[in-house]
Amino acid sequence: GVGYIDTAMDFVWPNRHVDTRAGTVVFVTTDGLIDQIGGPKEIAFGKRRVREALRASRELPTAALSQAVLDAHLAWQGHNRRRDDLTYFCFRVR
């Protein structure tokens, strides 16, 4: 994790190279999206629901895709208090 108290100040984060093709959507999020409690059983939104929201809207422009994920998340959250930061971004490789 980034920013945890047990992460050494001089820790060097490795660079990674990921090959992608044109049209690939890259979606990066904090755990606040995944860990949000909600739904009828008041359980975490989870990675599966994030993937489902992304797949359902993958043909949309990235701004609309991002909004679709947020809408799904807020619908899931319902009346529950937000537990953590909610930070994410996405882009489509050209």
PDB file of N, CA and C in Angstrom:
ATOM      1  N   GLY A   1       0.818  -1.194   0.000  1.00  0.00           N
ATOM      2  CA  GLY A   1       0.000   0.000   0.000  1.00  0.00           C
ATOM      3  C   GLY A   1       0.853   1.245   0.000  1.00  0.00           C
ATOM      4  N   VAL A   2       0.302   2.301  -0.466  1.00  0.00           N
ATOM      5  CA  VAL A   2       0.977   3.595  -0.507  1.00  0.00           C
ATOM      6  C   VAL A   2       0.511   4.413   0.684  1.00  0.00           C
ATOM      7  N   GLY A   3       1.446   4.958   1.430  1.00  0.00           N
ATOM      8  CA  GLY A   3       1.115   5.868   2.490  1.00  0.00           C
ATOM      9  C   GLY A   3       0.804   5.251   3.836  1.00  0.00           C
ATOM     10  N   TYR A   4       0.975   3.954   3.986  1.00  0.00           N
ATOM     11  CA  TYR A   4       0.738   3.342   5.287  1.00  0.00           C
ATOM     12  C   TYR A   4       1.899   3.638   6.214  1.00  0.00           C
ATOM     13  N   ILE A   5       1.633   3.640   7.497  1.00  0.00           N
ATOM     14  CA  ILE A   5       2.632   4.021   8.488  1.00  0.00           C
ATOM     15  C   ILE A   5       3.852   3.103   8.482  1.00  0.00           C
ATOM     16  N   ASP A   6       3.651   1.843   8.086  1.00  0.00           N
ATOM     17  CA  ASP A   6       4.787   0.916   8.096  1.00  0.00           C
ATOM     18  C   ASP A   6       5.565   0.915   6.780  1.00  0.00           C
ATOM     19  N   THR A   7       5.228   1.821   5.850  1.00  0.00           N
ATOM     20  CA  THR A   7       5.987   1.953   4.607  1.00  0.00           C
ATOM     21  C   THR A   7       7.179   2.865   4.873  1.00  0.00           C
ATOM     22  N   ALA A   8       8.372   2.343   4.649  1.00  0.00           N
ATOM     23  CA  ALA A   8       9.589   3.123   4.898  1.00  0.00           C
ATOM     24  C   ALA A   8       9.618   4.364   4.010  1.00  0.00           C
ATOM     25  N   MET A   9      10.100   5.480   4.567  1.00  0.00           N
ATOM     26  CA  MET A   9      10.159   6.738   3.812  1.00  0.00           C
ATOM     27  C   MET A   9      11.070   6.624   2.592  1.00  0.00           C
ATOM     28  N   ASP A  10      12.064   5.749   2.635  1.00  0.00           N
ATOM     29  CA  ASP A  10      12.999   5.619   1.523  1.00  0.00           C
ATOM     30  C   ASP A  10      12.665   4.436   0.606  1.00  0.00           C
ATOM     31  N   PHE A  11      11.456   3.871   0.769  1.00  0.00           N
ATOM     32  CA  PHE A  11      11.060   2.744  -0.070  1.00  0.00           C
ATOM     33  C   PHE A  11      11.025   3.184  -1.531  1.00  0.00           C
ATOM     34  N   VAL A  12      11.575   2.372  -2.403  1.00  0.00           N
ATOM     35  CA  VAL A  12      11.591   2.679  -3.836  1.00  0.00           C
ATOM     36  C   VAL A  12      10.526   1.825  -4.518  1.00  0.00           C
ATOM     37  N   TRP A  13       9.551   2.483  -5.087  1.00  0.00           N
ATOM     38  CA  TRP A  13       8.481   1.774  -5.785  1.00  0.00           C
ATOM     39  C   TRP A  13       8.977   1.395  -7.170  1.00  0.00           C
ATOM     40  N   PRO A  14       8.869   0.120  -7.532  1.00  0.00           N
ATOM     41  CA  PRO A  14       9.365  -0.300  -8.844  1.00  0.00           C
ATOM     42  C   PRO A  14       8.449   0.188  -9.966  1.00  0.00           C
ATOM     43  N   ASN A  15       9.050   0.509 -11.086  1.00  0.00           N
ATOM     44  CA  ASN A  15       8.282   0.838 -12.288  1.00  0.00           C
ATOM     45  C   ASN A  15       7.880  -0.458 -12.967  1.00  0.00           C
ATOM     46  N   ARG A  16       6.710  -0.472 -13.559  1.00  0.00           N
ATOM     47  CA  ARG A  16       6.218  -1.642 -14.285  1.00  0.00           C
ATOM     48  C   ARG A  16       5.854  -1.211 -15.698  1.00  0.00           C
ATOM     49  N   HIS A  17       6.056  -2.098 -16.629  1.00  0.00           N
ATOM     50  CA  HIS A  17       5.660  -1.861 -18.009  1.00  0.00           C
ATOM     51  C   HIS A  17       4.579  -2.876 -18.356  1.00  0.00           C
ATOM     52  N   VAL A  18       3.471  -2.380 -18.841  1.00  0.00           N
ATOM     53  CA  VAL A  18       2.364  -3.253 -19.221  1.00  0.00           C
ATOM     54  C   VAL A  18       2.050  -2.982 -20.696  1.00  0.00           C
ATOM     55  N   ASP A  19       2.175  -4.004 -21.517  1.00  0.00           N
ATOM     56  CA  ASP A  19       1.837  -3.850 -22.925  1.00  0.00           C
ATOM     57  C   ASP A  19       0.321  -3.761 -23.074  1.00  0.00           C
ATOM     58  N   THR A  20      -0.129  -2.806 -23.869  1.00  0.00           N
ATOM     59  CA  THR A  20      -1.563  -2.633 -24.126  1.00  0.00           C
ATOM     60  C   THR A  20      -1.784  -2.422 -25.611  1.00  0.00           C
ATOM     61  N   ARG A  21      -3.025  -2.625 -26.002  1.00  0.00           N
ATOM     62  CA  ARG A  21      -3.417  -2.380 -27.390  1.00  0.00           C
ATOM     63  C   ARG A  21      -4.303  -1.144 -27.429  1.00  0.00           C
ATOM     64  N   ALA A  22      -4.392  -0.531 -28.589  1.00  0.00           N
ATOM     65  CA  ALA A  22      -5.296   0.598 -28.763  1.00  0.00           C
ATOM     66  C   ALA A  22      -6.708   0.162 -28.395  1.00  0.00           C
ATOM     67  N   GLY A  23      -7.404   1.009 -27.652  1.00  0.00           N
ATOM     68  CA  GLY A  23      -8.759   0.708 -27.219  1.00  0.00           C
ATOM     69  C   GLY A  23      -8.852   0.126 -25.823  1.00  0.00           C
ATOM     70  N   THR A  24      -7.723  -0.310 -25.258  1.00  0.00           N
ATOM     71  CA  THR A  24      -7.718  -0.855 -23.905  1.00  0.00           C
ATOM     72  C   THR A  24      -8.084   0.244 -22.916  1.00  0.00           C
ATOM     73  N   VAL A  25      -8.965  -0.080 -21.973  1.00  0.00           N
ATOM     74  CA  VAL A  25      -9.313   0.854 -20.908  1.00  0.00           C
ATOM     75  C   VAL A  25      -8.495   0.498 -19.671  1.00  0.00           C
ATOM     76  N   VAL A  26      -7.822   1.494 -19.120  1.00  0.00           N
ATOM     77  CA  VAL A  26      -7.063   1.329 -17.886  1.00  0.00           C
ATOM     78  C   VAL A  26      -7.854   2.034 -16.788  1.00  0.00           C
ATOM     79  N   PHE A  27      -8.148   1.298 -15.712  1.00  0.00           N
ATOM     80  CA  PHE A  27      -8.944   1.814 -14.602  1.00  0.00           C
ATOM     81  C   PHE A  27      -8.151   1.602 -13.324  1.00  0.00           C
ATOM     82  N   VAL A  28      -7.883   2.680 -12.602  1.00  0.00           N
ATOM     83  CA  VAL A  28      -7.084   2.634 -11.377  1.00  0.00           C
ATOM     84  C   VAL A  28      -7.938   3.196 -10.245  1.00  0.00           C
ATOM     85  N   THR A  29      -7.962   2.495  -9.109  1.00  0.00           N
ATOM     86  CA  THR A  29      -8.799   2.932  -7.994  1.00  0.00           C
ATOM     87  C   THR A  29      -8.126   2.695  -6.654  1.00  0.00           C
ATOM     88  N   THR A  30      -8.547   3.466  -5.672  1.00  0.00           N
ATOM     89  CA  THR A  30      -8.177   3.185  -4.285  1.00  0.00           C
ATOM     90  C   THR A  30      -9.134   2.125  -3.746  1.00  0.00           C
ATOM     91  N   ASP A  31      -8.834   1.609  -2.581  1.00  0.00           N
ATOM     92  CA  ASP A  31      -9.689   0.589  -1.982  1.00  0.00           C
ATOM     93  C   ASP A  31     -11.035   1.139  -1.510  1.00  0.00           C
ATOM     94  N   GLY A  32     -11.186   2.456  -1.474  1.00  0.00           N
ATOM     95  CA  GLY A  32     -12.449   3.048  -1.043  1.00  0.00           C
ATOM     96  C   GLY A  32     -13.615   2.664  -1.933  1.00  0.00           C
ATOM     97  N   LEU A  33     -13.358   2.461  -3.213  1.00  0.00           N
ATOM     98  CA  LEU A  33     -14.411   2.038  -4.141  1.00  0.00           C
ATOM     99  C   LEU A  33     -14.839   0.611  -3.827  1.00  0.00           C
ATOM    100  N   ILE A  34     -13.897  -0.253  -3.624  1.00  0.00           N
ATOM    101  CA  ILE A  34     -14.152  -1.679  -3.432  1.00  0.00           C
ATOM    102  C   ILE A  34     -14.719  -1.975  -2.039  1.00  0.00           C
ATOM    103  N   ASP A  35     -14.265  -1.255  -1.030  1.00  0.00           N
ATOM    104  CA  ASP A  35     -14.619  -1.555   0.359  1.00  0.00           C
ATOM    105  C   ASP A  35     -15.936  -0.935   0.827  1.00  0.00           C
ATOM    106  N   GLN A  36     -16.575  -0.105  -0.003  1.00  0.00           N
ATOM    107  CA  GLN A  36     -17.796   0.572   0.438  1.00  0.00           C
ATOM    108  C   GLN A  36     -18.913  -0.420   0.744  1.00  0.00           C
ATOM    109  N   ILE A  37     -19.492  -0.282   1.930  1.00  0.00           N
ATOM    110  CA  ILE A  37     -20.601  -1.127   2.354  1.00  0.00           C
ATOM    111  C   ILE A  37     -21.903  -0.609   1.749  1.00  0.00           C
ATOM    112  N   GLY A  38     -22.758  -1.540   1.340  1.00  0.00           N
ATOM    113  CA  GLY A  38     -24.056  -1.150   0.800  1.00  0.00           C
ATOM    114  C   GLY A  38     -24.830  -2.362   0.334  1.00  0.00           C
ATOM    115  N   GLY A  39     -25.824  -2.093  -0.508  1.00  0.00           N
ATOM    116  CA  GLY A  39     -26.662  -3.155  -1.029  1.00  0.00           C
ATOM    117  C   GLY A  39     -27.601  -3.711   0.030  1.00  0.00           C
ATOM    118  N   PRO A  40     -28.454  -4.638  -0.354  1.00  0.00           N
ATOM    119  CA  PRO A  40     -29.460  -5.162   0.570  1.00  0.00           C
ATOM    120  C   PRO A  40     -28.870  -5.891   1.778  1.00  0.00           C
ATOM    121  N   LYS A  41     -27.684  -6.477   1.616  1.00  0.00           N
ATOM    122  CA  LYS A  41     -27.059  -7.209   2.731  1.00  0.00           C
ATOM    123  C   LYS A  41     -25.993  -6.388   3.448  1.00  0.00           C
ATOM    124  N   GLU A  42     -25.832  -5.130   3.008  1.00  0.00           N
ATOM    125  CA  GLU A  42     -24.822  -4.234   3.572  1.00  0.00           C
ATOM    126  C   GLU A  42     -23.444  -4.889   3.616  1.00  0.00           C
ATOM    127  N   ILE A  43     -22.985  -5.294   2.422  1.00  0.00           N
ATOM    128  CA  ILE A  43     -21.659  -5.881   2.256  1.00  0.00           C
ATOM    129  C   ILE A  43     -20.855  -4.997   1.312  1.00  0.00           C
ATOM    130  N   ALA A  44     -19.569  -5.295   1.159  1.00  0.00           N
ATOM    131  CA  ALA A  44     -18.683  -4.484   0.327  1.00  0.00           C
ATOM    132  C   ALA A  44     -19.099  -4.502  -1.144  1.00  0.00           C
ATOM    133  N   PHE A  45     -18.889  -3.377  -1.812  1.00  0.00           N
ATOM    134  CA  PHE A  45     -19.141  -3.258  -3.251  1.00  0.00           C
ATOM    135  C   PHE A  45     -18.333  -4.321  -3.991  1.00  0.00           C
ATOM    136  N   GLY A  46     -17.071  -4.439  -3.661  1.00  0.00           N
ATOM    137  CA  GLY A  46     -16.233  -5.529  -4.158  1.00  0.00           C
ATOM    138  C   GLY A  46     -15.726  -5.364  -5.577  1.00  0.00           C
ATOM    139  N   LYS A  47     -14.708  -6.146  -5.886  1.00  0.00           N
ATOM    140  CA  LYS A  47     -14.084  -6.114  -7.212  1.00  0.00           C
ATOM    141  C   LYS A  47     -15.026  -6.619  -8.291  1.00  0.00           C
ATOM    142  N   ARG A  48     -15.840  -7.611  -7.970  1.00  0.00           N
ATOM    143  CA  ARG A  48     -16.752  -8.169  -8.970  1.00  0.00           C
ATOM    144  C   ARG A  48     -17.732  -7.108  -9.471  1.00  0.00           C
ATOM    145  N   ARG A  49     -18.299  -6.319  -8.576  1.00  0.00           N
ATOM    146  CA  ARG A  49     -19.250  -5.286  -8.993  1.00  0.00           C
ATOM    147  C   ARG A  49     -18.554  -4.173  -9.772  1.00  0.00           C
ATOM    148  N   VAL A  50     -17.318  -3.870  -9.412  1.00  0.00           N
ATOM    149  CA  VAL A  50     -16.550  -2.889 -10.195  1.00  0.00           C
ATOM    150  C   VAL A  50     -16.382  -3.412 -11.613  1.00  0.00           C
ATOM    151  N   ARG A  51     -15.959  -4.683 -11.746  1.00  0.00           N
ATOM    152  CA  ARG A  51     -15.787  -5.281 -13.083  1.00  0.00           C
ATOM    153  C   ARG A  51     -17.093  -5.274 -13.859  1.00  0.00           C
ATOM    154  N   GLU A  52     -18.194  -5.611 -13.196  1.00  0.00           N
ATOM    155  CA  GLU A  52     -19.496  -5.626 -13.870  1.00  0.00           C
ATOM    156  C   GLU A  52     -19.870  -4.230 -14.373  1.00  0.00           C
ATOM    157  N   ALA A  53     -19.645  -3.212 -13.550  1.00  0.00           N
ATOM    158  CA  ALA A  53     -19.949  -1.837 -13.958  1.00  0.00           C
ATOM    159  C   ALA A  53     -19.083  -1.419 -15.139  1.00  0.00           C
ATOM    160  N   LEU A  54     -17.811  -1.819 -15.117  1.00  0.00           N
ATOM    161  CA  LEU A  54     -16.916  -1.489 -16.221  1.00  0.00           C
ATOM    162  C   LEU A  54     -17.326  -2.212 -17.505  1.00  0.00           C
ATOM    163  N   ARG A  55     -17.615  -3.484 -17.392  1.00  0.00           N
ATOM    164  CA  ARG A  55     -18.011  -4.257 -18.579  1.00  0.00           C
ATOM    165  C   ARG A  55     -19.305  -3.745 -19.180  1.00  0.00           C
ATOM    166  N   ALA A  56     -20.254  -3.368 -18.341  1.00  0.00           N
ATOM    167  CA  ALA A  56     -21.554  -2.907 -18.829  1.00  0.00           C
ATOM    168  C   ALA A  56     -21.441  -1.601 -19.609  1.00  0.00           C
ATOM    169  N   SER A  57     -20.401  -0.823 -19.338  1.00  0.00           N
ATOM    170  CA  SER A  57     -20.265   0.497 -19.956  1.00  0.00           C
ATOM    171  C   SER A  57     -18.979   0.656 -20.754  1.00  0.00           C
ATOM    172  N   ARG A  58     -18.304  -0.438 -21.060  1.00  0.00           N
ATOM    173  CA  ARG A  58     -16.959  -0.356 -21.652  1.00  0.00           C
ATOM    174  C   ARG A  58     -16.897   0.308 -23.016  1.00  0.00           C
ATOM    175  N   GLU A  59     -18.000   0.367 -23.742  1.00  0.00           N
ATOM    176  CA  GLU A  59     -17.988   0.988 -25.058  1.00  0.00           C
ATOM    177  C   GLU A  59     -18.187   2.500 -24.987  1.00  0.00           C
ATOM    178  N   LEU A  60     -18.557   3.024 -23.834  1.00  0.00           N
ATOM    179  CA  LEU A  60     -18.788   4.461 -23.675  1.00  0.00           C
ATOM    180  C   LEU A  60     -17.473   5.220 -23.651  1.00  0.00           C
ATOM    181  N   PRO A  61     -17.505   6.514 -23.942  1.00  0.00           N
ATOM    182  CA  PRO A  61     -16.306   7.337 -23.721  1.00  0.00           C
ATOM    183  C   PRO A  61     -15.898   7.249 -22.248  1.00  0.00           C
ATOM    184  N   THR A  62     -14.632   7.454 -21.956  1.00  0.00           N
ATOM    185  CA  THR A  62     -14.150   7.230 -20.592  1.00  0.00           C
ATOM    186  C   THR A  62     -14.829   8.125 -19.559  1.00  0.00           C
ATOM    187  N   ALA A  63     -15.213   9.343 -19.907  1.00  0.00           N
ATOM    188  CA  ALA A  63     -15.915  10.198 -18.940  1.00  0.00           C
ATOM    189  C   ALA A  63     -17.255   9.569 -18.561  1.00  0.00           C
ATOM    190  N   ALA A  64     -17.979   9.040 -19.545  1.00  0.00           N
ATOM    191  CA  ALA A  64     -19.267   8.394 -19.286  1.00  0.00           C
ATOM    192  C   ALA A  64     -19.060   7.065 -18.553  1.00  0.00           C
ATOM    193  N   LEU A  65     -18.013   6.341 -18.895  1.00  0.00           N
ATOM    194  CA  LEU A  65     -17.676   5.097 -18.188  1.00  0.00           C
ATOM    195  C   LEU A  65     -17.392   5.383 -16.717  1.00  0.00           C
ATOM    196  N   SER A  66     -16.608   6.414 -16.457  1.00  0.00           N
ATOM    197  CA  SER A  66     -16.295   6.812 -15.092  1.00  0.00           C
ATOM    198  C   SER A  66     -17.570   7.177 -14.329  1.00  0.00           C
ATOM    199  N   GLN A  67     -18.467   7.909 -14.974  1.00  0.00           N
ATOM    200  CA  GLN A  67     -19.727   8.289 -14.341  1.00  0.00           C
ATOM    201  C   GLN A  67     -20.603   7.065 -14.069  1.00  0.00           C
ATOM    202  N   ALA A  68     -20.597   6.104 -14.972  1.00  0.00           N
ATOM    203  CA  ALA A  68     -21.386   4.881 -14.789  1.00  0.00           C
ATOM    204  C   ALA A  68     -20.897   4.096 -13.571  1.00  0.00           C
ATOM    205  N   VAL A  69     -19.580   4.034 -13.376  1.00  0.00           N
ATOM    206  CA  VAL A  69     -19.026   3.350 -12.201  1.00  0.00           C
ATOM    207  C   VAL A  69     -19.433   4.096 -10.935  1.00  0.00           C
ATOM    208  N   LEU A  70     -19.333   5.428 -10.964  1.00  0.00           N
ATOM    209  CA  LEU A  70     -19.739   6.220  -9.808  1.00  0.00           C
ATOM    210  C   LEU A  70     -21.227   6.032  -9.504  1.00  0.00           C
ATOM    211  N   ASP A  71     -22.063   6.047 -10.527  1.00  0.00           N
ATOM    212  CA  ASP A  71     -23.503   5.850 -10.323  1.00  0.00           C
ATOM    213  C   ASP A  71     -23.801   4.494  -9.694  1.00  0.00           C
ATOM    214  N   ALA A  72     -23.129   3.448 -10.181  1.00  0.00           N
ATOM    215  CA  ALA A  72     -23.318   2.107  -9.616  1.00  0.00           C
ATOM    216  C   ALA A  72     -22.865   2.079  -8.159  1.00  0.00           C
ATOM    217  N   HIS A  73     -21.758   2.725  -7.890  1.00  0.00           N
ATOM    218  CA  HIS A  73     -21.231   2.777  -6.533  1.00  0.00           C
ATOM    219  C   HIS A  73     -22.178   3.512  -5.592  1.00  0.00           C
ATOM    220  N   LEU A  74     -22.672   4.673  -6.010  1.00  0.00           N
ATOM    221  CA  LEU A  74     -23.574   5.449  -5.160  1.00  0.00           C
ATOM    222  C   LEU A  74     -24.894   4.719  -4.930  1.00  0.00           C
ATOM    223  N   ALA A  75     -25.383   4.030  -5.959  1.00  0.00           N
ATOM    224  CA  ALA A  75     -26.601   3.236  -5.798  1.00  0.00           C
ATOM    225  C   ALA A  75     -26.361   2.123  -4.780  1.00  0.00           C
ATOM    226  N   TRP A  76     -25.191   1.497  -4.834  1.00  0.00           N
ATOM    227  CA  TRP A  76     -24.839   0.445  -3.889  1.00  0.00           C
ATOM    228  C   TRP A  76     -24.707   1.012  -2.475  1.00  0.00           C
ATOM    229  N   GLN A  77     -24.073   2.165  -2.348  1.00  0.00           N
ATOM    230  CA  GLN A  77     -23.847   2.785  -1.042  1.00  0.00           C
ATOM    231  C   GLN A  77     -25.173   3.098  -0.354  1.00  0.00           C
ATOM    232  N   GLY A  78     -26.140   3.589  -1.118  1.00  0.00           N
ATOM    233  CA  GLY A  78     -27.444   3.899  -0.546  1.00  0.00           C
ATOM    234  C   GLY A  78     -27.342   4.843   0.633  1.00  0.00           C
ATOM    235  N   HIS A  79     -27.969   4.499   1.727  1.00  0.00           N
ATOM    236  CA  HIS A  79     -28.001   5.335   2.932  1.00  0.00           C
ATOM    237  C   HIS A  79     -26.750   5.188   3.795  1.00  0.00           C
ATOM    238  N   ASN A  80     -25.874   4.284   3.445  1.00  0.00           N
ATOM    239  CA  ASN A  80     -24.677   4.041   4.259  1.00  0.00           C
ATOM    240  C   ASN A  80     -23.683   5.198   4.148  1.00  0.00           C
ATOM    241  N   ARG A  81     -23.001   5.452   5.244  1.00  0.00           N
ATOM    242  CA  ARG A  81     -21.977   6.486   5.283  1.00  0.00           C
ATOM    243  C   ARG A  81     -20.773   6.038   4.454  1.00  0.00           C
ATOM    244  N   ARG A  82     -20.145   6.973   3.759  1.00  0.00           N
ATOM    245  CA  ARG A  82     -18.920   6.639   3.023  1.00  0.00           C
ATOM    246  C   ARG A  82     -17.841   6.286   4.027  1.00  0.00           C
ATOM    247  N   ARG A  83     -17.160   5.178   3.796  1.00  0.00           N
ATOM    248  CA  ARG A  83     -16.182   4.648   4.742  1.00  0.00           C
ATOM    249  C   ARG A  83     -14.765   5.153   4.517  1.00  0.00           C
ATOM    250  N   ASP A  84     -14.461   5.558   3.292  1.00  0.00           N
ATOM    251  CA  ASP A  84     -13.073   5.834   2.931  1.00  0.00           C
ATOM    252  C   ASP A  84     -13.074   6.829   1.776  1.00  0.00           C
ATOM    253  N   ASP A  85     -11.874   7.243   1.369  1.00  0.00           N
ATOM    254  CA  ASP A  85     -11.802   8.094   0.189  1.00  0.00           C
ATOM    255  C   ASP A  85     -12.312   7.318  -1.023  1.00  0.00           C
ATOM    256  N   LEU A  86     -12.805   8.032  -2.000  1.00  0.00           N
ATOM    257  CA  LEU A  86     -13.265   7.419  -3.241  1.00  0.00           C
ATOM    258  C   LEU A  86     -12.502   8.098  -4.369  1.00  0.00           C
ATOM    259  N   THR A  87     -11.438   7.460  -4.801  1.00  0.00           N
ATOM    260  CA  THR A  87     -10.569   8.026  -5.822  1.00  0.00           C
ATOM    261  C   THR A  87     -10.347   7.004  -6.913  1.00  0.00           C
ATOM    262  N   TYR A  88     -10.583   7.401  -8.151  1.00  0.00           N
ATOM    263  CA  TYR A  88     -10.256   6.536  -9.273  1.00  0.00           C
ATOM    264  C   TYR A  88     -10.129   7.369 -10.532  1.00  0.00           C
ATOM    265  N   PHE A  89      -9.484   6.800 -11.535  1.00  0.00           N
ATOM    266  CA  PHE A  89      -9.420   7.427 -12.850  1.00  0.00           C
ATOM    267  C   PHE A  89      -9.336   6.333 -13.900  1.00  0.00           C
ATOM    268  N   CYS A  90      -9.718   6.693 -15.096  1.00  0.00           N
ATOM    269  CA  CYS A  90      -9.591   5.734 -16.198  1.00  0.00           C
ATOM    270  C   CYS A  90      -9.232   6.472 -17.468  1.00  0.00           C
ATOM    271  N   PHE A  91      -8.629   5.746 -18.387  1.00  0.00           N
ATOM    272  CA  PHE A  91      -8.313   6.286 -19.704  1.00  0.00           C
ATOM    273  C   PHE A  91      -8.289   5.154 -20.701  1.00  0.00           C
ATOM    274  N   ARG A  92      -8.476   5.509 -21.943  1.00  0.00           N
ATOM    275  CA  ARG A  92      -8.442   4.537 -23.036  1.00  0.00           C
ATOM    276  C   ARG A  92      -7.152   4.747 -23.818  1.00  0.00           C
ATOM    277  N   VAL A  93      -6.421   3.655 -24.034  1.00  0.00           N
ATOM    278  CA  VAL A  93      -5.157   3.705 -24.775  1.00  0.00           C
ATOM    279  C   VAL A  93      -5.467   4.012 -26.241  1.00  0.00           C
ATOM    280  N   ARG A  94      -4.686   4.898 -26.818  1.00  0.00           N
ATOM    281  CA  ARG A  94      -4.852   5.244 -28.240  1.00  0.00           C
ATOM    282  C   ARG A  94      -3.774   4.579 -29.078  1.00  0.00           C
TER     283      ARG A  94
END
